[in-house]
Amino acid sequence: MISSFFLPGPLMAVYYATKAYVLSFTEALENELKDTNITISALCPGPTKTGFSDRANLSSSKLFESGALHVEDVAKVGYEQFMRGKTIIILGAKVATMLPRFSPRKLITKVVRSMQEVK
């Protein structure tokens, strides 16, 4: 599974970039608020079965056919991890979050595009 928080997103560039912004913003706020009683978390699931995937025409993409999370499971795990004070909550294949660090950016972009293209 691919998490759009950590990768470039051809065919959905603004969506992916916005999620990367949210992740960076969350990490910065967490640092700024470290001496307060405020907890902040970014929930970073892989593909999740919601109405969004249908509206975005992604349900028949390789991305969703490779396995999508159930929204109830995402919410439950996200809440549990938030209550434990975890800042970055990753659900799905965590290895995908490491790919950009060790792979050429052009290769990652090609792979993400191929996963998002509708058959």
PDB file of N, CA and C in Angstrom:
ATOM      1  N   MET A   1       0.827  -1.184   0.000  1.00  0.00           N
ATOM      2  CA  MET A   1       0.000   0.000   0.000  1.00  0.00           C
ATOM      3  C   MET A   1       0.869   1.246   0.000  1.00  0.00           C
ATOM      4  N   ILE A   2       0.365   2.262  -0.614  1.00  0.00           N
ATOM      5  CA  ILE A   2       1.081   3.517  -0.724  1.00  0.00           C
ATOM      6  C   ILE A   2       0.381   4.557   0.136  1.00  0.00           C
ATOM      7  N   SER A   3       1.141   5.313   0.881  1.00  0.00           N
ATOM      8  CA  SER A   3       0.580   6.404   1.666  1.00  0.00           C
ATOM      9  C   SER A   3       0.935   7.725   1.002  1.00  0.00           C
ATOM     10  N   SER A   4      -0.071   8.476   0.633  1.00  0.00           N
ATOM     11  CA  SER A   4       0.139   9.706  -0.120  1.00  0.00           C
ATOM     12  C   SER A   4       0.806  10.815   0.680  1.00  0.00           C
ATOM     13  N   PHE A   5       1.042  10.607   1.950  1.00  0.00           N
ATOM     14  CA  PHE A   5       1.737  11.610   2.751  1.00  0.00           C
ATOM     15  C   PHE A   5       3.227  11.656   2.432  1.00  0.00           C
ATOM     16  N   PHE A   6       3.762  10.584   1.888  1.00  0.00           N
ATOM     17  CA  PHE A   6       5.206  10.440   1.766  1.00  0.00           C
ATOM     18  C   PHE A   6       5.703  10.380   0.326  1.00  0.00           C
ATOM     19  N   LEU A   7       4.806  10.446  -0.646  1.00  0.00           N
ATOM     20  CA  LEU A   7       5.182  10.241  -2.035  1.00  0.00           C
ATOM     21  C   LEU A   7       4.642  11.334  -2.942  1.00  0.00           C
ATOM     22  N   PRO A   8       5.286  11.546  -4.100  1.00  0.00           N
ATOM     23  CA  PRO A   8       4.695  12.434  -5.096  1.00  0.00           C
ATOM     24  C   PRO A   8       3.484  11.735  -5.712  1.00  0.00           C
ATOM     25  N   GLY A   9       2.515  12.480  -6.193  1.00  0.00           N
ATOM     26  CA  GLY A   9       1.286  11.857  -6.664  1.00  0.00           C
ATOM     27  C   GLY A   9       0.803  12.298  -8.020  1.00  0.00           C
ATOM     28  N   PRO A  10       1.414  11.805  -9.096  1.00  0.00           N
ATOM     29  CA  PRO A  10       0.897  12.133 -10.423  1.00  0.00           C
ATOM     30  C   PRO A  10      -0.576  11.739 -10.536  1.00  0.00           C
ATOM     31  N   LEU A  11      -1.310  12.514 -11.262  1.00  0.00           N
ATOM     32  CA  LEU A  11      -2.755  12.368 -11.484  1.00  0.00           C
ATOM     33  C   LEU A  11      -3.576  12.891 -10.308  1.00  0.00           C
ATOM     34  N   MET A  12      -2.927  13.147  -9.179  1.00  0.00           N
ATOM     35  CA  MET A  12      -3.578  13.736  -8.008  1.00  0.00           C
ATOM     36  C   MET A  12      -2.560  14.602  -7.265  1.00  0.00           C
ATOM     37  N   ALA A  13      -1.828  15.414  -8.014  1.00  0.00           N
ATOM     38  CA  ALA A  13      -0.688  16.154  -7.478  1.00  0.00           C
ATOM     39  C   ALA A  13      -1.043  17.060  -6.305  1.00  0.00           C
ATOM     40  N   VAL A  14      -2.120  17.810  -6.425  1.00  0.00           N
ATOM     41  CA  VAL A  14      -2.481  18.733  -5.343  1.00  0.00           C
ATOM     42  C   VAL A  14      -2.897  17.959  -4.095  1.00  0.00           C
ATOM     43  N   TYR A  15      -3.621  16.876  -4.270  1.00  0.00           N
ATOM     44  CA  TYR A  15      -4.053  16.049  -3.136  1.00  0.00           C
ATOM     45  C   TYR A  15      -2.841  15.515  -2.370  1.00  0.00           C
ATOM     46  N   TYR A  16      -1.900  14.946  -3.083  1.00  0.00           N
ATOM     47  CA  TYR A  16      -0.701  14.398  -2.442  1.00  0.00           C
ATOM     48  C   TYR A  16       0.124  15.498  -1.781  1.00  0.00           C
ATOM     49  N   ALA A  17       0.284  16.628  -2.478  1.00  0.00           N
ATOM     50  CA  ALA A  17       1.069  17.737  -1.925  1.00  0.00           C
ATOM     51  C   ALA A  17       0.414  18.292  -0.659  1.00  0.00           C
ATOM     52  N   THR A  18      -0.897  18.351  -0.643  1.00  0.00           N
ATOM     53  CA  THR A  18      -1.607  18.843   0.538  1.00  0.00           C
ATOM     54  C   THR A  18      -1.378  17.922   1.728  1.00  0.00           C
ATOM     55  N   LYS A  19      -1.382  16.625   1.487  1.00  0.00           N
ATOM     56  CA  LYS A  19      -1.131  15.683   2.582  1.00  0.00           C
ATOM     57  C   LYS A  19       0.299  15.808   3.098  1.00  0.00           C
ATOM     58  N   ALA A  20       1.251  16.027   2.207  1.00  0.00           N
ATOM     59  CA  ALA A  20       2.642  16.237   2.636  1.00  0.00           C
ATOM     60  C   ALA A  20       2.746  17.502   3.483  1.00  0.00           C
ATOM     61  N   TYR A  21       2.000  18.536   3.104  1.00  0.00           N
ATOM     62  CA  TYR A  21       1.968  19.776   3.882  1.00  0.00           C
ATOM     63  C   TYR A  21       1.420  19.513   5.281  1.00  0.00           C
ATOM     64  N   VAL A  22       0.327  18.772   5.355  1.00  0.00           N
ATOM     65  CA  VAL A  22      -0.280  18.463   6.654  1.00  0.00           C
ATOM     66  C   VAL A  22       0.706  17.703   7.543  1.00  0.00           C
ATOM     67  N   LEU A  23       1.437  16.778   6.978  1.00  0.00           N
ATOM     68  CA  LEU A  23       2.422  16.014   7.737  1.00  0.00           C
ATOM     69  C   LEU A  23       3.519  16.938   8.273  1.00  0.00           C
ATOM     70  N   SER A  24       4.065  17.776   7.418  1.00  0.00           N
ATOM     71  CA  SER A  24       5.117  18.703   7.833  1.00  0.00           C
ATOM     72  C   SER A  24       4.595  19.690   8.878  1.00  0.00           C
ATOM     73  N   PHE A  25       3.407  20.205   8.679  1.00  0.00           N
ATOM     74  CA  PHE A  25       2.781  21.140   9.607  1.00  0.00           C
ATOM     75  C   PHE A  25       2.572  20.484  10.975  1.00  0.00           C
ATOM     76  N   THR A  26       2.117  19.239  10.965  1.00  0.00           N
ATOM     77  CA  THR A  26       1.893  18.500  12.217  1.00  0.00           C
ATOM     78  C   THR A  26       3.194  18.326  12.986  1.00  0.00           C
ATOM     79  N   GLU A  27       4.261  17.939  12.291  1.00  0.00           N
ATOM     80  CA  GLU A  27       5.548  17.740  12.965  1.00  0.00           C
ATOM     81  C   GLU A  27       6.072  19.047  13.553  1.00  0.00           C
ATOM     82  N   ALA A  28       5.905  20.139  12.821  1.00  0.00           N
ATOM     83  CA  ALA A  28       6.357  21.438  13.325  1.00  0.00           C
ATOM     84  C   ALA A  28       5.535  21.872  14.537  1.00  0.00           C
ATOM     85  N   LEU A  29       4.198  21.719  14.461  1.00  0.00           N
ATOM     86  CA  LEU A  29       3.347  22.085  15.598  1.00  0.00           C
ATOM     87  C   LEU A  29       3.636  21.231  16.825  1.00  0.00           C
ATOM     88  N   GLU A  30       3.872  19.947  16.604  1.00  0.00           N
ATOM     89  CA  GLU A  30       4.188  19.055  17.727  1.00  0.00           C
ATOM     90  C   GLU A  30       5.409  19.561  18.467  1.00  0.00           C
ATOM     91  N   ASN A  31       6.399  20.005  17.730  1.00  0.00           N
ATOM     92  CA  ASN A  31       7.607  20.542  18.352  1.00  0.00           C
ATOM     93  C   ASN A  31       7.317  21.841  19.085  1.00  0.00           C
ATOM     94  N   GLU A  32       6.545  22.717  18.475  1.00  0.00           N
ATOM     95  CA  GLU A  32       6.220  23.993  19.105  1.00  0.00           C
ATOM     96  C   GLU A  32       5.384  23.821  20.374  1.00  0.00           C
ATOM     97  N   LEU A  33       4.574  22.766  20.422  1.00  0.00           N
ATOM     98  CA  LEU A  33       3.654  22.554  21.544  1.00  0.00           C
ATOM     99  C   LEU A  33       4.174  21.553  22.573  1.00  0.00           C
ATOM    100  N   LYS A  34       5.441  21.158  22.454  1.00  0.00           N
ATOM    101  CA  LYS A  34       5.971  20.090  23.301  1.00  0.00           C
ATOM    102  C   LYS A  34       5.906  20.388  24.797  1.00  0.00           C
ATOM    103  N   ASP A  35       5.915  21.638  25.191  1.00  0.00           N
ATOM    104  CA  ASP A  35       5.872  21.981  26.615  1.00  0.00           C
ATOM    105  C   ASP A  35       4.466  22.342  27.094  1.00  0.00           C
ATOM    106  N   THR A  36       3.471  21.925  26.328  1.00  0.00           N
ATOM    107  CA  THR A  36       2.078  22.177  26.705  1.00  0.00           C
ATOM    108  C   THR A  36       1.365  20.845  26.906  1.00  0.00           C
ATOM    109  N   ASN A  37       0.119  20.893  27.246  1.00  0.00           N
ATOM    110  CA  ASN A  37      -0.693  19.672  27.372  1.00  0.00           C
ATOM    111  C   ASN A  37      -1.475  19.388  26.097  1.00  0.00           C
ATOM    112  N   ILE A  38      -1.041  19.951  24.991  1.00  0.00           N
ATOM    113  CA  ILE A  38      -1.737  19.771  23.716  1.00  0.00           C
ATOM    114  C   ILE A  38      -1.052  18.655  22.933  1.00  0.00           C
ATOM    115  N   THR A  39      -1.851  17.725  22.448  1.00  0.00           N
ATOM    116  CA  THR A  39      -1.352  16.627  21.627  1.00  0.00           C
ATOM    117  C   THR A  39      -1.830  16.834  20.200  1.00  0.00           C
ATOM    118  N   ILE A  40      -0.942  16.607  19.253  1.00  0.00           N
ATOM    119  CA  ILE A  40      -1.307  16.721  17.846  1.00  0.00           C
ATOM    120  C   ILE A  40      -0.785  15.487  17.123  1.00  0.00           C
ATOM    121  N   SER A  41      -1.591  14.978  16.204  1.00  0.00           N
ATOM    122  CA  SER A  41      -1.211  13.782  15.450  1.00  0.00           C
ATOM    123  C   SER A  41      -1.602  13.938  13.991  1.00  0.00           C
ATOM    124  N   ALA A  42      -0.850  13.285  13.124  1.00  0.00           N
ATOM    125  CA  ALA A  42      -1.214  13.159  11.716  1.00  0.00           C
ATOM    126  C   ALA A  42      -1.496  11.686  11.465  1.00  0.00           C
ATOM    127  N   LEU A  43      -2.694  11.395  11.032  1.00  0.00           N
ATOM    128  CA  LEU A  43      -3.090  10.030  10.708  1.00  0.00           C
ATOM    129  C   LEU A  43      -2.770   9.797   9.238  1.00  0.00           C
ATOM    130  N   CYS A  44      -1.884   8.829   8.968  1.00  0.00           N
ATOM    131  CA  CYS A  44      -1.391   8.569   7.612  1.00  0.00           C
ATOM    132  C   CYS A  44      -1.728   7.146   7.180  1.00  0.00           C
ATOM    133  N   PRO A  45      -2.973   6.905   6.812  1.00  0.00           N
ATOM    134  CA  PRO A  45      -3.316   5.559   6.356  1.00  0.00           C
ATOM    135  C   PRO A  45      -2.961   5.365   4.891  1.00  0.00           C
ATOM    136  N   GLY A  46      -2.881   4.137   4.502  1.00  0.00           N
ATOM    137  CA  GLY A  46      -2.778   3.837   3.080  1.00  0.00           C
ATOM    138  C   GLY A  46      -4.169   4.002   2.480  1.00  0.00           C
ATOM    139  N   PRO A  47      -4.401   3.456   1.293  1.00  0.00           N
ATOM    140  CA  PRO A  47      -5.716   3.566   0.668  1.00  0.00           C
ATOM    141  C   PRO A  47      -6.806   3.066   1.619  1.00  0.00           C
ATOM    142  N   THR A  48      -7.867   3.845   1.733  1.00  0.00           N
ATOM    143  CA  THR A  48      -8.958   3.528   2.657  1.00  0.00           C
ATOM    144  C   THR A  48     -10.280   3.575   1.894  1.00  0.00           C
ATOM    145  N   LYS A  49     -11.112   2.568   2.119  1.00  0.00           N
ATOM    146  CA  LYS A  49     -12.413   2.484   1.441  1.00  0.00           C
ATOM    147  C   LYS A  49     -13.350   3.550   2.000  1.00  0.00           C
ATOM    148  N   THR A  50     -13.551   4.590   1.219  1.00  0.00           N
ATOM    149  CA  THR A  50     -14.485   5.662   1.581  1.00  0.00           C
ATOM    150  C   THR A  50     -15.201   6.096   0.304  1.00  0.00           C
ATOM    151  N   GLY A  51     -16.121   7.001   0.431  1.00  0.00           N
ATOM    152  CA  GLY A  51     -16.795   7.551  -0.738  1.00  0.00           C
ATOM    153  C   GLY A  51     -15.836   8.319  -1.641  1.00  0.00           C
ATOM    154  N   PHE A  52     -14.738   8.815  -1.067  1.00  0.00           N
ATOM    155  CA  PHE A  52     -13.759   9.572  -1.850  1.00  0.00           C
ATOM    156  C   PHE A  52     -13.180   8.710  -2.965  1.00  0.00           C
ATOM    157  N   SER A  53     -12.850   7.474  -2.668  1.00  0.00           N
ATOM    158  CA  SER A  53     -12.241   6.619  -3.687  1.00  0.00           C
ATOM    159  C   SER A  53     -13.196   6.402  -4.862  1.00  0.00           C
ATOM    160  N   ASP A  54     -14.478   6.324  -4.579  1.00  0.00           N
ATOM    161  CA  ASP A  54     -15.462   6.178  -5.653  1.00  0.00           C
ATOM    162  C   ASP A  54     -15.566   7.459  -6.477  1.00  0.00           C
ATOM    163  N   ARG A  55     -15.651   8.600  -5.790  1.00  0.00           N
ATOM    164  CA  ARG A  55     -15.778   9.889  -6.500  1.00  0.00           C
ATOM    165  C   ARG A  55     -14.532  10.212  -7.313  1.00  0.00           C
ATOM    166  N   ALA A  56     -13.373   9.800  -6.825  1.00  0.00           N
ATOM    167  CA  ALA A  56     -12.117  10.064  -7.529  1.00  0.00           C
ATOM    168  C   ALA A  56     -11.819   9.005  -8.588  1.00  0.00           C
ATOM    169  N   ASN A  57     -12.746   8.074  -8.788  1.00  0.00           N
ATOM    170  CA  ASN A  57     -12.578   6.997  -9.767  1.00  0.00           C
ATOM    171  C   ASN A  57     -11.367   6.129  -9.480  1.00  0.00           C
ATOM    172  N   LEU A  58     -11.084   5.883  -8.215  1.00  0.00           N
ATOM    173  CA  LEU A  58      -9.908   5.101  -7.851  1.00  0.00           C
ATOM    174  C   LEU A  58     -10.224   3.659  -7.480  1.00  0.00           C
ATOM    175  N   SER A  59     -11.482   3.337  -7.302  1.00  0.00           N
ATOM    176  CA  SER A  59     -11.844   1.997  -6.831  1.00  0.00           C
ATOM    177  C   SER A  59     -11.331   0.890  -7.745  1.00  0.00           C
ATOM    178  N   SER A  60     -11.201   1.174  -9.037  1.00  0.00           N
ATOM    179  CA  SER A  60     -10.708   0.152  -9.960  1.00  0.00           C
ATOM    180  C   SER A  60      -9.235   0.345 -10.303  1.00  0.00           C
ATOM    181  N   SER A  61      -8.531   1.158  -9.535  1.00  0.00           N
ATOM    182  CA  SER A  61      -7.097   1.345  -9.763  1.00  0.00           C
ATOM    183  C   SER A  61      -6.314   0.236  -9.069  1.00  0.00           C
ATOM    184  N   LYS A  62      -5.076   0.037  -9.496  1.00  0.00           N
ATOM    185  CA  LYS A  62      -4.212  -0.959  -8.849  1.00  0.00           C
ATOM    186  C   LYS A  62      -4.020  -0.617  -7.372  1.00  0.00           C
ATOM    187  N   LEU A  63      -3.998   0.678  -7.088  1.00  0.00           N
ATOM    188  CA  LEU A  63      -3.801   1.153  -5.722  1.00  0.00           C
ATOM    189  C   LEU A  63      -4.849   0.558  -4.784  1.00  0.00           C
ATOM    190  N   PHE A  64      -6.099   0.582  -5.182  1.00  0.00           N
ATOM    191  CA  PHE A  64      -7.169   0.072  -4.329  1.00  0.00           C
ATOM    192  C   PHE A  64      -7.364  -1.422  -4.477  1.00  0.00           C
ATOM    193  N   GLU A  65      -7.077  -1.947  -5.647  1.00  0.00           N
ATOM    194  CA  GLU A  65      -7.207  -3.389  -5.837  1.00  0.00           C
ATOM    195  C   GLU A  65      -6.136  -4.167  -5.073  1.00  0.00           C
ATOM    196  N   SER A  66      -5.019  -3.504  -4.752  1.00  0.00           N
ATOM    197  CA  SER A  66      -3.956  -4.181  -4.010  1.00  0.00           C
ATOM    198  C   SER A  66      -4.313  -4.318  -2.529  1.00  0.00           C
ATOM    199  N   GLY A  67      -5.406  -3.719  -2.139  1.00  0.00           N
ATOM    200  CA  GLY A  67      -5.866  -3.831  -0.755  1.00  0.00           C
ATOM    201  C   GLY A  67      -6.089  -2.471  -0.142  1.00  0.00           C
ATOM    202  N   ALA A  68      -7.291  -2.247   0.315  1.00  0.00           N
ATOM    203  CA  ALA A  68      -7.620  -0.973   0.946  1.00  0.00           C
ATOM    204  C   ALA A  68      -8.071  -1.240   2.373  1.00  0.00           C
ATOM    205  N   LEU A  69      -7.783  -0.286   3.225  1.00  0.00           N
ATOM    206  CA  LEU A  69      -8.170  -0.392   4.632  1.00  0.00           C
ATOM    207  C   LEU A  69      -9.647  -0.046   4.803  1.00  0.00           C
ATOM    208  N   HIS A  70     -10.244  -0.568   5.846  1.00  0.00           N
ATOM    209  CA  HIS A  70     -11.626  -0.224   6.180  1.00  0.00           C
ATOM    210  C   HIS A  70     -11.614   1.013   7.064  1.00  0.00           C
ATOM    211  N   VAL A  71     -12.503   1.940   6.773  1.00  0.00           N
ATOM    212  CA  VAL A  71     -12.522   3.212   7.481  1.00  0.00           C
ATOM    213  C   VAL A  71     -12.692   3.042   8.994  1.00  0.00           C
ATOM    214  N   GLU A  72     -13.466   2.035   9.408  1.00  0.00           N
ATOM    215  CA  GLU A  72     -13.661   1.795  10.842  1.00  0.00           C
ATOM    216  C   GLU A  72     -12.348   1.405  11.520  1.00  0.00           C
ATOM    217  N   ASP A  73     -11.554   0.573  10.848  1.00  0.00           N
ATOM    218  CA  ASP A  73     -10.257   0.160  11.393  1.00  0.00           C
ATOM    219  C   ASP A  73      -9.293   1.337  11.480  1.00  0.00           C
ATOM    220  N   VAL A  74      -9.298   2.178  10.451  1.00  0.00           N
ATOM    221  CA  VAL A  74      -8.432   3.361  10.436  1.00  0.00           C
ATOM    222  C   VAL A  74      -8.787   4.278  11.602  1.00  0.00           C
ATOM    223  N   ALA A  75     -10.086   4.517  11.790  1.00  0.00           N
ATOM    224  CA  ALA A  75     -10.526   5.402  12.875  1.00  0.00           C
ATOM    225  C   ALA A  75     -10.156   4.827  14.237  1.00  0.00           C
ATOM    226  N   LYS A  76     -10.355   3.539  14.432  1.00  0.00           N
ATOM    227  CA  LYS A  76     -10.078   2.909  15.724  1.00  0.00           C
ATOM    228  C   LYS A  76      -8.582   2.971  16.062  1.00  0.00           C
ATOM    229  N   VAL A  77      -7.756   2.537  15.136  1.00  0.00           N
ATOM    230  CA  VAL A  77      -6.308   2.541  15.379  1.00  0.00           C
ATOM    231  C   VAL A  77      -5.799   3.979  15.508  1.00  0.00           C
ATOM    232  N   GLY A  78      -6.301   4.876  14.666  1.00  0.00           N
ATOM    233  CA  GLY A  78      -5.896   6.271  14.747  1.00  0.00           C
ATOM    234  C   GLY A  78      -6.211   6.875  16.106  1.00  0.00           C
ATOM    235  N   TYR A  79      -7.393   6.612  16.608  1.00  0.00           N
ATOM    236  CA  TYR A  79      -7.784   7.143  17.918  1.00  0.00           C
ATOM    237  C   TYR A  79      -6.913   6.553  19.034  1.00  0.00           C
ATOM    238  N   GLU A  80      -6.700   5.249  18.974  1.00  0.00           N
ATOM    239  CA  GLU A  80      -5.878   4.598  20.001  1.00  0.00           C
ATOM    240  C   GLU A  80      -4.460   5.168  20.027  1.00  0.00           C
ATOM    241  N   GLN A  81      -3.870   5.335  18.850  1.00  0.00           N
ATOM    242  CA  GLN A  81      -2.503   5.863  18.763  1.00  0.00           C
ATOM    243  C   GLN A  81      -2.447   7.333  19.190  1.00  0.00           C
ATOM    244  N   PHE A  82      -3.478   8.097  18.835  1.00  0.00           N
ATOM    245  CA  PHE A  82      -3.556   9.496  19.264  1.00  0.00           C
ATOM    246  C   PHE A  82      -3.610   9.583  20.786  1.00  0.00           C
ATOM    247  N   MET A  83      -4.413   8.733  21.400  1.00  0.00           N
ATOM    248  CA  MET A  83      -4.538   8.741  22.857  1.00  0.00           C
ATOM    249  C   MET A  83      -3.233   8.338  23.541  1.00  0.00           C
ATOM    250  N   ARG A  84      -2.381   7.619  22.825  1.00  0.00           N
ATOM    251  CA  ARG A  84      -1.060   7.253  23.359  1.00  0.00           C
ATOM    252  C   ARG A  84      -0.033   8.351  23.108  1.00  0.00           C
ATOM    253  N   GLY A  85      -0.437   9.415  22.446  1.00  0.00           N
ATOM    254  CA  GLY A  85       0.453  10.544  22.213  1.00  0.00           C
ATOM    255  C   GLY A  85       1.345  10.426  20.995  1.00  0.00           C
ATOM    256  N   LYS A  86       1.037   9.490  20.105  1.00  0.00           N
ATOM    257  CA  LYS A  86       1.862   9.312  18.915  1.00  0.00           C
ATOM    258  C   LYS A  86       1.615  10.460  17.936  1.00  0.00           C
ATOM    259  N   THR A  87       2.683  11.023  17.411  1.00  0.00           N
ATOM    260  CA  THR A  87       2.556  12.171  16.511  1.00  0.00           C
ATOM    261  C   THR A  87       2.233  11.741  15.083  1.00  0.00           C
ATOM    262  N   ILE A  88       2.996  10.819  14.533  1.00  0.00           N
ATOM    263  CA  ILE A  88       2.766  10.338  13.173  1.00  0.00           C
ATOM    264  C   ILE A  88       2.231   8.919  13.267  1.00  0.00           C
ATOM    265  N   ILE A  89       1.015   8.720  12.803  1.00  0.00           N
ATOM    266  CA  ILE A  89       0.339   7.424  12.893  1.00  0.00           C
ATOM    267  C   ILE A  89       0.246   6.859  11.477  1.00  0.00           C
ATOM    268  N   ILE A  90       0.997   5.799  11.224  1.00  0.00           N
ATOM    269  CA  ILE A  90       1.052   5.199   9.895  1.00  0.00           C
ATOM    270  C   ILE A  90       0.323   3.866   9.924  1.00  0.00           C
ATOM    271  N   LEU A  91      -0.644   3.713   9.038  1.00  0.00           N
ATOM    272  CA  LEU A  91      -1.362   2.449   8.889  1.00  0.00           C
ATOM    273  C   LEU A  91      -1.093   1.916   7.499  1.00  0.00           C
ATOM    274  N   GLY A  92      -0.968   0.629   7.368  1.00  0.00           N
ATOM    275  CA  GLY A  92      -0.666   0.042   6.075  1.00  0.00           C
ATOM    276  C   GLY A  92       0.810  -0.298   6.006  1.00  0.00           C
ATOM    277  N   ALA A  93       1.308  -0.390   4.788  1.00  0.00           N
ATOM    278  CA  ALA A  93       2.693  -0.793   4.559  1.00  0.00           C
ATOM    279  C   ALA A  93       3.651   0.349   4.877  1.00  0.00           C
ATOM    280  N   LYS A  94       4.319   0.237   5.985  1.00  0.00           N
ATOM    281  CA  LYS A  94       5.245   1.285   6.403  1.00  0.00           C
ATOM    282  C   LYS A  94       6.470   1.356   5.508  1.00  0.00           C
ATOM    283  N   VAL A  95       6.749   0.282   4.790  1.00  0.00           N
ATOM    284  CA  VAL A  95       7.912   0.282   3.900  1.00  0.00           C
ATOM    285  C   VAL A  95       7.739   1.347   2.822  1.00  0.00           C
ATOM    286  N   ALA A  96       6.503   1.629   2.429  1.00  0.00           N
ATOM    287  CA  ALA A  96       6.254   2.642   1.400  1.00  0.00           C
ATOM    288  C   ALA A  96       6.699   4.025   1.856  1.00  0.00           C
ATOM    289  N   THR A  97       6.723   4.249   3.150  1.00  0.00           N
ATOM    290  CA  THR A  97       7.168   5.551   3.649  1.00  0.00           C
ATOM    291  C   THR A  97       8.683   5.706   3.516  1.00  0.00           C
ATOM    292  N   MET A  98       9.390   4.596   3.390  1.00  0.00           N
ATOM    293  CA  MET A  98      10.844   4.633   3.274  1.00  0.00           C
ATOM    294  C   MET A  98      11.310   4.687   1.814  1.00  0.00           C
ATOM    295  N   LEU A  99      10.466   4.286   0.895  1.00  0.00           N
ATOM    296  CA  LEU A  99      10.865   4.221  -0.515  1.00  0.00           C
ATOM    297  C   LEU A  99      11.464   5.518  -1.047  1.00  0.00           C
ATOM    298  N   PRO A 100      10.871   6.676  -0.778  1.00  0.00           N
ATOM    299  CA  PRO A 100      11.446   7.903  -1.335  1.00  0.00           C
ATOM    300  C   PRO A 100      12.869   8.191  -0.855  1.00  0.00           C
ATOM    301  N   ARG A 101      13.250   7.665   0.263  1.00  0.00           N
ATOM    302  CA  ARG A 101      14.594   7.911   0.790  1.00  0.00           C
ATOM    303  C   ARG A 101      15.667   7.105   0.061  1.00  0.00           C
ATOM    304  N   PHE A 102      15.259   5.981  -0.514  1.00  0.00           N
ATOM    305  CA  PHE A 102      16.238   5.060  -1.084  1.00  0.00           C
ATOM    306  C   PHE A 102      16.055   4.798  -2.578  1.00  0.00           C
ATOM    307  N   SER A 103      15.062   5.424  -3.183  1.00  0.00           N
ATOM    308  CA  SER A 103      14.794   5.194  -4.601  1.00  0.00           C
ATOM    309  C   SER A 103      14.849   6.512  -5.364  1.00  0.00           C
ATOM    310  N   PRO A 104      15.212   6.439  -6.631  1.00  0.00           N
ATOM    311  CA  PRO A 104      15.196   7.656  -7.445  1.00  0.00           C
ATOM    312  C   PRO A 104      13.784   8.244  -7.513  1.00  0.00           C
ATOM    313  N   ARG A 105      13.658   9.556  -7.390  1.00  0.00           N
ATOM    314  CA  ARG A 105      12.355  10.223  -7.383  1.00  0.00           C
ATOM    315  C   ARG A 105      11.560   9.926  -8.654  1.00  0.00           C
ATOM    316  N   LYS A 106      12.230   9.903  -9.802  1.00  0.00           N
ATOM    317  CA  LYS A 106      11.518   9.631 -11.056  1.00  0.00           C
ATOM    318  C   LYS A 106      10.917   8.228 -11.054  1.00  0.00           C
ATOM    319  N   LEU A 107      11.611   7.269 -10.468  1.00  0.00           N
ATOM    320  CA  LEU A 107      11.082   5.914 -10.384  1.00  0.00           C
ATOM    321  C   LEU A 107       9.847   5.874  -9.477  1.00  0.00           C
ATOM    322  N   ILE A 108       9.929   6.523  -8.339  1.00  0.00           N
ATOM    323  CA  ILE A 108       8.796   6.563  -7.413  1.00  0.00           C
ATOM    324  C   ILE A 108       7.585   7.188  -8.097  1.00  0.00           C
ATOM    325  N   THR A 109       7.803   8.283  -8.807  1.00  0.00           N
ATOM    326  CA  THR A 109       6.703   8.967  -9.486  1.00  0.00           C
ATOM    327  C   THR A 109       6.065   8.058 -10.530  1.00  0.00           C
ATOM    328  N   LYS A 110       6.882   7.312 -11.282  1.00  0.00           N
ATOM    329  CA  LYS A 110       6.353   6.366 -12.275  1.00  0.00           C
ATOM    330  C   LYS A 110       5.522   5.277 -11.609  1.00  0.00           C
ATOM    331  N   VAL A 111       6.028   4.733 -10.508  1.00  0.00           N
ATOM    332  CA  VAL A 111       5.328   3.655  -9.809  1.00  0.00           C
ATOM    333  C   VAL A 111       3.987   4.150  -9.262  1.00  0.00           C
ATOM    334  N   VAL A 112       3.994   5.316  -8.626  1.00  0.00           N
ATOM    335  CA  VAL A 112       2.747   5.857  -8.072  1.00  0.00           C
ATOM    336  C   VAL A 112       1.735   6.091  -9.186  1.00  0.00           C
ATOM    337  N   ARG A 113       2.192   6.655 -10.287  1.00  0.00           N
ATOM    338  CA  ARG A 113       1.266   6.882 -11.409  1.00  0.00           C
ATOM    339  C   ARG A 113       0.663   5.571 -11.895  1.00  0.00           C
ATOM    340  N   SER A 114       1.490   4.553 -12.055  1.00  0.00           N
ATOM    341  CA  SER A 114       0.974   3.268 -12.556  1.00  0.00           C
ATOM    342  C   SER A 114      -0.027   2.658 -11.573  1.00  0.00           C
ATOM    343  N   MET A 115       0.166   2.906 -10.279  1.00  0.00           N
ATOM    344  CA  MET A 115      -0.767   2.386  -9.274  1.00  0.00           C
ATOM    345  C   MET A 115      -2.107   3.128  -9.298  1.00  0.00           C
ATOM    346  N   GLN A 116      -2.081   4.388  -9.691  1.00  0.00           N
ATOM    347  CA  GLN A 116      -3.298   5.198  -9.660  1.00  0.00           C
ATOM    348  C   GLN A 116      -4.095   5.149 -10.947  1.00  0.00           C
ATOM    349  N   GLU A 117      -3.461   4.747 -12.025  1.00  0.00           N
ATOM    350  CA  GLU A 117      -4.178   4.717 -13.293  1.00  0.00           C
ATOM    351  C   GLU A 117      -5.298   3.684 -13.238  1.00  0.00           C
ATOM    352  N   VAL A 118      -6.430   4.080 -13.752  1.00  0.00           N
ATOM    353  CA  VAL A 118      -7.582   3.182 -13.805  1.00  0.00           C
ATOM    354  C   VAL A 118      -7.407   2.268 -14.996  1.00  0.00           C
ATOM    355  N   LYS A 119      -7.728   1.002 -14.786  1.00  0.00           N
ATOM    356  CA  LYS A 119      -7.553   0.014 -15.861  1.00  0.00           C
ATOM    357  C   LYS A 119      -8.472   0.284 -17.034  1.00  0.00           C
TER     358      LYS A 119
END
